[in-house]
Amino acid sequence: MATTYPNLVFHFQVEWGGTRIGFTEVSGLTTELQPVEYREGSSLNYNVTKQPGMPKFGDISLKRGTFSKDNEFFQWLNTVQLNKIERRDITISLLNENHEPVMVWKISNAWPSKVEGPSLKSTGNEVAIESITLVHEGITFAAP
């Protein structure tokens, strides 16, 4: 009998703007339904009822190593103008050992709200990591 194991987190890809970009970390793939509370004044029960309300989506954080002459994060952030920004649809896929998607998150109308350069340290011995925080208008999950 074959044993099944849960998916591993270290093999994934991110596609945006028609290109595939390598990242070291992706976090914030969250969706939350905000509860709506209601209680009628003549109710015999002294509690509120709850029903699902509007969805709320978490900000997505992407981290990667910095490369000379690659400032795409800052270029995208600099497209911000008064009430106008370049929005992108993003696909994040968790991959199996054959590099095939086993889980896919589709992010709609994302734009950068924060770009953070690497932390610099004179005695450090690690890769310089930059991060970008994206806000968006929706996330859908699909199992291929």
C-alpha atoms as a PDB file:
ATOM      1  CA  MET A   1       0.000   0.000   0.000  1.00  0.00           C
ATOM      2  CA  ALA A   2       1.406   3.367  -1.024  1.00  0.00           C
ATOM      3  CA  THR A   3       1.902   5.979   1.664  1.00  0.00           C
ATOM      4  CA  THR A   4       0.844   9.534   0.886  1.00  0.00           C
ATOM      5  CA  TYR A   5       2.616  12.544   2.278  1.00  0.00           C
ATOM      6  CA  PRO A   6       1.598  16.188   2.572  1.00  0.00           C
ATOM      7  CA  ASN A   7       2.946  18.708   0.070  1.00  0.00           C
ATOM      8  CA  LEU A   8       6.273  20.375   0.786  1.00  0.00           C
ATOM      9  CA  VAL A   9       6.620  24.169   0.832  1.00  0.00           C
ATOM     10  CA  PHE A  10      10.030  24.683  -0.790  1.00  0.00           C
ATOM     11  CA  HIS A  11       9.196  24.099  -4.483  1.00  0.00           C
ATOM     12  CA  PHE A  12       7.022  26.862  -5.932  1.00  0.00           C
ATOM     13  CA  GLN A  13       6.844  29.475  -8.665  1.00  0.00           C
ATOM     14  CA  VAL A  14       5.396  32.963  -9.043  1.00  0.00           C
ATOM     15  CA  GLU A  15       4.199  34.354 -12.369  1.00  0.00           C
ATOM     16  CA  TRP A  16       3.380  38.016 -12.880  1.00  0.00           C
ATOM     17  CA  GLY A  17       3.198  40.313 -15.842  1.00  0.00           C
ATOM     18  CA  GLY A  18       3.839  37.378 -18.173  1.00  0.00           C
ATOM     19  CA  THR A  19       7.160  36.468 -16.545  1.00  0.00           C
ATOM     20  CA  ARG A  20       8.178  33.846 -14.007  1.00  0.00           C
ATOM     21  CA  ILE A  21      10.195  35.262 -11.126  1.00  0.00           C
ATOM     22  CA  GLY A  22      12.077  33.288  -8.490  1.00  0.00           C
ATOM     23  CA  PHE A  23      11.354  34.088  -4.856  1.00  0.00           C
ATOM     24  CA  THR A  24      12.720  32.655  -1.635  1.00  0.00           C
ATOM     25  CA  GLU A  25       9.525  33.177   0.332  1.00  0.00           C
ATOM     26  CA  VAL A  26       5.822  33.871  -0.211  1.00  0.00           C
ATOM     27  CA  SER A  27       3.489  34.599   2.697  1.00  0.00           C
ATOM     28  CA  GLY A  28       0.041  36.064   3.314  1.00  0.00           C
ATOM     29  CA  LEU A  29      -2.129  33.802   1.179  1.00  0.00           C
ATOM     30  CA  THR A  30      -5.110  34.383   3.459  1.00  0.00           C
ATOM     31  CA  THR A  31      -8.820  34.927   2.953  1.00  0.00           C
ATOM     32  CA  GLU A  32     -11.145  35.806   5.803  1.00  0.00           C
ATOM     33  CA  LEU A  33     -14.918  36.205   5.863  1.00  0.00           C
ATOM     34  CA  GLN A  34     -15.864  39.049   8.149  1.00  0.00           C
ATOM     35  CA  PRO A  35     -18.835  38.101  10.348  1.00  0.00           C
ATOM     36  CA  VAL A  36     -21.961  40.243  10.366  1.00  0.00           C
ATOM     37  CA  GLU A  37     -23.745  40.253  13.709  1.00  0.00           C
ATOM     38  CA  TYR A  38     -27.462  40.857  14.064  1.00  0.00           C
ATOM     39  CA  ARG A  39     -29.918  40.740  16.916  1.00  0.00           C
ATOM     40  CA  GLU A  40     -33.576  41.625  16.765  1.00  0.00           C
ATOM     41  CA  GLY A  41     -34.699  43.610  19.793  1.00  0.00           C
ATOM     42  CA  SER A  42     -37.683  41.338  20.521  1.00  0.00           C
ATOM     43  CA  SER A  43     -35.620  38.142  20.347  1.00  0.00           C
ATOM     44  CA  LEU A  44     -36.091  35.823  23.320  1.00  0.00           C
ATOM     45  CA  ASN A  45     -32.416  34.862  23.085  1.00  0.00           C
ATOM     46  CA  TYR A  46     -29.881  37.263  24.564  1.00  0.00           C
ATOM     47  CA  ASN A  47     -27.293  36.693  21.899  1.00  0.00           C
ATOM     48  CA  VAL A  48     -26.593  37.799  18.373  1.00  0.00           C
ATOM     49  CA  THR A  49     -26.761  35.688  15.256  1.00  0.00           C
ATOM     50  CA  LYS A  50     -23.802  35.691  12.931  1.00  0.00           C
ATOM     51  CA  GLN A  51     -23.671  35.374   9.184  1.00  0.00           C
ATOM     52  CA  PRO A  52     -20.852  35.618   6.661  1.00  0.00           C
ATOM     53  CA  GLY A  53     -20.126  39.102   5.396  1.00  0.00           C
ATOM     54  CA  MET A  54     -17.626  40.588   3.002  1.00  0.00           C
ATOM     55  CA  PRO A  55     -14.360  38.770   2.334  1.00  0.00           C
ATOM     56  CA  LYS A  56     -11.107  40.316   3.499  1.00  0.00           C
ATOM     57  CA  PHE A  57      -7.795  39.431   1.879  1.00  0.00           C
ATOM     58  CA  GLY A  58      -4.399  39.559   3.550  1.00  0.00           C
ATOM     59  CA  ASP A  59      -1.454  41.427   2.072  1.00  0.00           C
ATOM     60  CA  ILE A  60       0.989  39.159   0.257  1.00  0.00           C
ATOM     61  CA  SER A  61       4.705  39.409   0.975  1.00  0.00           C
ATOM     62  CA  LEU A  62       7.272  38.177  -1.542  1.00  0.00           C
ATOM     63  CA  LYS A  63      11.000  37.951  -0.782  1.00  0.00           C
ATOM     64  CA  ARG A  64      13.940  37.339  -3.085  1.00  0.00           C
ATOM     65  CA  GLY A  65      17.665  37.861  -3.387  1.00  0.00           C
ATOM     66  CA  THR A  66      18.819  41.166  -4.876  1.00  0.00           C
ATOM     67  CA  PHE A  67      20.663  41.279  -8.187  1.00  0.00           C
ATOM     68  CA  SER A  68      22.743  44.066  -9.722  1.00  0.00           C
ATOM     69  CA  LYS A  69      20.798  46.285 -12.131  1.00  0.00           C
ATOM     70  CA  ASP A  70      17.480  44.590 -11.235  1.00  0.00           C
ATOM     71  CA  ASN A  71      15.150  47.120  -9.665  1.00  0.00           C
ATOM     72  CA  GLU A  72      11.801  45.834 -10.966  1.00  0.00           C
ATOM     73  CA  PHE A  73      10.168  46.117  -7.520  1.00  0.00           C
ATOM     74  CA  PHE A  74      10.997  49.827  -7.302  1.00  0.00           C
ATOM     75  CA  GLN A  75      10.030  50.429 -10.936  1.00  0.00           C
ATOM     76  CA  TRP A  76       6.610  48.920 -10.288  1.00  0.00           C
ATOM     77  CA  LEU A  77       6.207  50.977  -7.104  1.00  0.00           C
ATOM     78  CA  ASN A  78       7.125  54.115  -9.072  1.00  0.00           C
ATOM     79  CA  THR A  79       4.163  53.609 -11.432  1.00  0.00           C
ATOM     80  CA  VAL A  80       1.961  54.969  -8.648  1.00  0.00           C
ATOM     81  CA  GLN A  81       0.270  58.214  -9.546  1.00  0.00           C
ATOM     82  CA  LEU A  82      -2.702  59.949  -8.009  1.00  0.00           C
ATOM     83  CA  ASN A  83      -5.467  57.318  -8.009  1.00  0.00           C
ATOM     84  CA  LYS A  84      -3.657  55.304 -10.690  1.00  0.00           C
ATOM     85  CA  ILE A  85      -1.317  52.293 -10.502  1.00  0.00           C
ATOM     86  CA  GLU A  86      -0.270  49.422 -12.692  1.00  0.00           C
ATOM     87  CA  ARG A  87      -2.199  46.381 -11.460  1.00  0.00           C
ATOM     88  CA  ARG A  88      -1.110  42.829 -12.181  1.00  0.00           C
ATOM     89  CA  ASP A  89      -2.677  39.416 -11.900  1.00  0.00           C
ATOM     90  CA  ILE A  90      -0.337  36.995 -10.166  1.00  0.00           C
ATOM     91  CA  THR A  91      -0.300  33.209 -10.086  1.00  0.00           C
ATOM     92  CA  ILE A  92       1.476  31.352  -7.285  1.00  0.00           C
ATOM     93  CA  SER A  93       1.880  27.601  -7.762  1.00  0.00           C
ATOM     94  CA  LEU A  94       3.107  24.950  -5.359  1.00  0.00           C
ATOM     95  CA  LEU A  95       4.933  22.324  -7.426  1.00  0.00           C
ATOM     96  CA  ASN A  96       5.554  18.602  -7.103  1.00  0.00           C
ATOM     97  CA  GLU A  97       8.823  16.790  -7.821  1.00  0.00           C
ATOM     98  CA  ASN A  98       7.975  16.796 -11.556  1.00  0.00           C
ATOM     99  CA  HIS A  99       7.625  20.616 -11.475  1.00  0.00           C
ATOM    100  CA  GLU A 100       3.849  20.343 -11.986  1.00  0.00           C
ATOM    101  CA  PRO A 101       1.400  22.509 -10.023  1.00  0.00           C
ATOM    102  CA  VAL A 102      -0.404  20.718  -7.188  1.00  0.00           C
ATOM    103  CA  MET A 103      -1.941  23.881  -5.682  1.00  0.00           C
ATOM    104  CA  VAL A 104      -2.520  27.242  -7.396  1.00  0.00           C
ATOM    105  CA  TRP A 105      -3.446  30.638  -5.959  1.00  0.00           C
ATOM    106  CA  LYS A 106      -4.606  33.338  -8.382  1.00  0.00           C
ATOM    107  CA  ILE A 107      -4.292  36.913  -7.153  1.00  0.00           C
ATOM    108  CA  SER A 108      -6.289  39.602  -8.956  1.00  0.00           C
ATOM    109  CA  ASN A 109      -5.474  43.280  -9.448  1.00  0.00           C
ATOM    110  CA  ALA A 110      -2.373  43.309  -7.236  1.00  0.00           C
ATOM    111  CA  TRP A 111      -0.202  46.380  -6.756  1.00  0.00           C
ATOM    112  CA  PRO A 112       2.761  47.132  -4.482  1.00  0.00           C
ATOM    113  CA  SER A 113       2.093  48.962  -1.247  1.00  0.00           C
ATOM    114  CA  LYS A 114       5.621  48.552   0.117  1.00  0.00           C
ATOM    115  CA  VAL A 115       9.077  47.714  -1.180  1.00  0.00           C
ATOM    116  CA  GLU A 116      11.819  46.999   1.320  1.00  0.00           C
ATOM    117  CA  GLY A 117      15.495  46.821   0.455  1.00  0.00           C
ATOM    118  CA  PRO A 118      17.894  44.405   2.122  1.00  0.00           C
ATOM    119  CA  SER A 119      19.133  44.769   5.678  1.00  0.00           C
ATOM    120  CA  LEU A 120      22.820  45.621   5.496  1.00  0.00           C
ATOM    121  CA  LYS A 121      25.290  44.396   8.099  1.00  0.00           C
ATOM    122  CA  SER A 122      29.069  44.846   8.020  1.00  0.00           C
ATOM    123  CA  THR A 123      29.670  41.447   9.628  1.00  0.00           C
ATOM    124  CA  GLY A 124      26.925  39.613   7.748  1.00  0.00           C
ATOM    125  CA  ASN A 125      27.510  36.554   5.623  1.00  0.00           C
ATOM    126  CA  GLU A 126      24.157  36.043   3.945  1.00  0.00           C
ATOM    127  CA  VAL A 127      22.400  36.903   0.692  1.00  0.00           C
ATOM    128  CA  ALA A 128      20.892  40.404   0.433  1.00  0.00           C
ATOM    129  CA  ILE A 129      17.113  39.893   0.466  1.00  0.00           C
ATOM    130  CA  GLU A 130      14.535  42.426  -0.732  1.00  0.00           C
ATOM    131  CA  SER A 131      10.793  42.195  -0.230  1.00  0.00           C
ATOM    132  CA  ILE A 132       7.640  43.556  -1.772  1.00  0.00           C
ATOM    133  CA  THR A 133       4.219  43.748  -0.133  1.00  0.00           C
ATOM    134  CA  LEU A 134       1.222  43.475  -2.437  1.00  0.00           C
ATOM    135  CA  VAL A 135      -2.362  44.450  -1.829  1.00  0.00           C
ATOM    136  CA  HIS A 136      -5.007  42.975  -4.083  1.00  0.00           C
ATOM    137  CA  GLU A 137      -8.709  42.625  -4.765  1.00  0.00           C
ATOM    138  CA  GLY A 138      -9.125  38.894  -4.487  1.00  0.00           C
ATOM    139  CA  ILE A 139      -7.523  35.499  -4.184  1.00  0.00           C
ATOM    140  CA  THR A 140      -8.871  32.251  -5.540  1.00  0.00           C
ATOM    141  CA  PHE A 141      -7.557  28.777  -4.882  1.00  0.00           C
ATOM    142  CA  ALA A 142      -7.586  25.960  -7.387  1.00  0.00           C
ATOM    143  CA  ALA A 143      -6.296  22.422  -7.243  1.00  0.00           C
ATOM    144  CA  PRO A 144      -5.207  21.471 -10.796  1.00  0.00           C
END
